[in-house]
Structure formats: C-alpha cells, structure tokens
Amino acid sequence: MPAHNNHREEGIEIPYHQIKPDTLRRMIEEFVTRDGTDWAEVGCTLEDKVEQVIRQLKDKKVKVVFDLTSQTANLVPR
C-alpha cells in the first residue's frame, strides 16, 4: 500500500468533556454560524443549534478533532 503523506491531515480527537465549557460553546457557535452551514429556515435559534450539536456530541454522532497541520479544531461527523 503506497504512502501518500504529502497532503494528509494529522488530526487527533479531543474528548469534548475535556474542553472548557465556555470554549466548547464558542467553538459550537462558530461552527453553526459558519458560511455554508444549512439550518435552512427551520426557525432554529442560536441556542437551539448549539443544543443540537451538544446532543450530537453526547450521542457520539460528531466529534471534536484538532488538526495538527492547521492548528485548528473542528467538529466532524463520526
């Protein structure tokens, strides 16, 4: 199997419960308000969106990944 390491992301999962609650909330708020997110006119408030993402974290449907290459954290589907 050939190694293609040139453009590979080097990411590690960060358990969400190890992130300070205010930091996690800001991360989720940034995620749900990002350009390109599709919350299309469902009438969700910011709080509704944040709660949905927290529920998905607890249900292990999404995870927090820190990308070592870009030095950024992101929420990604499992």
C-alpha atoms as a PDB file:
ATOM      1  CA  MET A   1       0.000   0.000   0.000  1.00  0.00           C
ATOM      2  CA  PRO A   2       1.671   3.256  -1.090  1.00  0.00           C
ATOM      3  CA  ALA A   3       2.108   6.009   1.442  1.00  0.00           C
ATOM      4  CA  HIS A   4       0.624   9.350   0.425  1.00  0.00           C
ATOM      5  CA  ASN A   5       1.647  11.550   3.325  1.00  0.00           C
ATOM      6  CA  ASN A   6       2.102  14.787   1.386  1.00  0.00           C
ATOM      7  CA  HIS A   7      -1.408  16.183   1.968  1.00  0.00           C
ATOM      8  CA  ARG A   8      -2.606  14.046   4.857  1.00  0.00           C
ATOM      9  CA  GLU A   9      -4.228  15.776   7.796  1.00  0.00           C
ATOM     10  CA  GLU A  10      -2.673  14.985  11.137  1.00  0.00           C
ATOM     11  CA  GLY A  11      -5.615  15.172  13.496  1.00  0.00           C
ATOM     12  CA  ILE A  12      -6.345  13.951  16.972  1.00  0.00           C
ATOM     13  CA  GLU A  13      -9.722  13.580  18.617  1.00  0.00           C
ATOM     14  CA  ILE A  14     -10.271  15.743  21.685  1.00  0.00           C
ATOM     15  CA  PRO A  15     -12.961  14.434  24.063  1.00  0.00           C
ATOM     16  CA  TYR A  16     -15.488  17.277  24.242  1.00  0.00           C
ATOM     17  CA  HIS A  17     -15.839  16.938  28.017  1.00  0.00           C
ATOM     18  CA  GLN A  18     -12.147  17.858  28.379  1.00  0.00           C
ATOM     19  CA  ILE A  19     -12.739  21.250  26.733  1.00  0.00           C
ATOM     20  CA  LYS A  20     -13.707  24.148  28.992  1.00  0.00           C
ATOM     21  CA  PRO A  21     -17.489  24.667  28.650  1.00  0.00           C
ATOM     22  CA  ASP A  22     -17.191  28.310  27.525  1.00  0.00           C
ATOM     23  CA  THR A  23     -14.555  27.367  24.926  1.00  0.00           C
ATOM     24  CA  LEU A  24     -16.681  24.482  23.651  1.00  0.00           C
ATOM     25  CA  ARG A  25     -19.728  26.740  23.398  1.00  0.00           C
ATOM     26  CA  ARG A  26     -17.787  29.365  21.397  1.00  0.00           C
ATOM     27  CA  MET A  27     -16.475  26.609  19.116  1.00  0.00           C
ATOM     28  CA  ILE A  28     -20.006  25.281  18.537  1.00  0.00           C
ATOM     29  CA  GLU A  29     -21.407  28.795  17.978  1.00  0.00           C
ATOM     30  CA  GLU A  30     -18.716  29.468  15.372  1.00  0.00           C
ATOM     31  CA  PHE A  31     -19.485  26.130  13.721  1.00  0.00           C
ATOM     32  CA  VAL A  32     -23.259  26.644  13.487  1.00  0.00           C
ATOM     33  CA  THR A  33     -22.944  30.233  12.220  1.00  0.00           C
ATOM     34  CA  ARG A  34     -20.290  29.419   9.611  1.00  0.00           C
ATOM     35  CA  ASP A  35     -20.962  30.273   5.960  1.00  0.00           C
ATOM     36  CA  GLY A  36     -22.273  27.222   4.178  1.00  0.00           C
ATOM     37  CA  THR A  37     -23.998  25.611   7.146  1.00  0.00           C
ATOM     38  CA  ASP A  38     -27.502  24.554   6.263  1.00  0.00           C
ATOM     39  CA  TRP A  39     -30.005  25.316   9.001  1.00  0.00           C
ATOM     40  CA  ALA A  40     -32.357  26.497   6.235  1.00  0.00           C
ATOM     41  CA  GLU A  41     -35.287  28.340   7.690  1.00  0.00           C
ATOM     42  CA  VAL A  42     -36.150  25.739  10.286  1.00  0.00           C
ATOM     43  CA  GLY A  43     -36.674  28.581  12.714  1.00  0.00           C
ATOM     44  CA  CYS A  44     -33.853  27.477  14.997  1.00  0.00           C
ATOM     45  CA  THR A  45     -32.372  29.972  17.397  1.00  0.00           C
ATOM     46  CA  LEU A  46     -28.637  30.002  18.042  1.00  0.00           C
ATOM     47  CA  GLU A  47     -29.341  28.273  21.367  1.00  0.00           C
ATOM     48  CA  ASP A  48     -31.345  25.537  19.575  1.00  0.00           C
ATOM     49  CA  LYS A  49     -28.471  24.932  17.174  1.00  0.00           C
ATOM     50  CA  VAL A  50     -25.888  24.806  19.982  1.00  0.00           C
ATOM     51  CA  GLU A  51     -28.055  22.339  21.945  1.00  0.00           C
ATOM     52  CA  GLN A  52     -28.428  20.127  18.853  1.00  0.00           C
ATOM     53  CA  VAL A  53     -24.644  19.951  18.420  1.00  0.00           C
ATOM     54  CA  ILE A  54     -24.105  19.249  22.137  1.00  0.00           C
ATOM     55  CA  ARG A  55     -26.648  16.424  21.874  1.00  0.00           C
ATOM     56  CA  GLN A  56     -24.785  15.049  18.834  1.00  0.00           C
ATOM     57  CA  LEU A  57     -21.505  15.173  20.779  1.00  0.00           C
ATOM     58  CA  LYS A  58     -23.092  13.298  23.698  1.00  0.00           C
ATOM     59  CA  ASP A  59     -24.651  10.759  21.309  1.00  0.00           C
ATOM     60  CA  LYS A  60     -21.242  10.305  19.621  1.00  0.00           C
ATOM     61  CA  LYS A  61     -22.581  11.392  16.226  1.00  0.00           C
ATOM     62  CA  VAL A  62     -19.941  14.133  15.931  1.00  0.00           C
ATOM     63  CA  LYS A  63     -16.511  14.602  17.484  1.00  0.00           C
ATOM     64  CA  VAL A  64     -14.009  17.395  18.065  1.00  0.00           C
ATOM     65  CA  VAL A  65     -10.806  16.959  16.062  1.00  0.00           C
ATOM     66  CA  PHE A  66      -7.694  19.105  16.393  1.00  0.00           C
ATOM     67  CA  ASP A  67      -5.776  19.281  13.118  1.00  0.00           C
ATOM     68  CA  LEU A  68      -2.056  19.368  13.901  1.00  0.00           C
ATOM     69  CA  THR A  69      -1.240  20.730  10.433  1.00  0.00           C
ATOM     70  CA  SER A  70      -3.507  23.785  10.508  1.00  0.00           C
ATOM     71  CA  GLN A  71      -3.550  24.088  14.327  1.00  0.00           C
ATOM     72  CA  THR A  72      -7.351  24.332  14.294  1.00  0.00           C
ATOM     73  CA  ALA A  73     -10.168  22.404  15.925  1.00  0.00           C
ATOM     74  CA  ASN A  74     -13.296  21.354  14.092  1.00  0.00           C
ATOM     75  CA  LEU A  75     -16.479  19.391  14.640  1.00  0.00           C
ATOM     76  CA  VAL A  76     -16.737  16.418  12.294  1.00  0.00           C
ATOM     77  CA  PRO A  77     -19.219  13.550  11.819  1.00  0.00           C
ATOM     78  CA  ARG A  78     -18.202  10.162  13.164  1.00  0.00           C
END
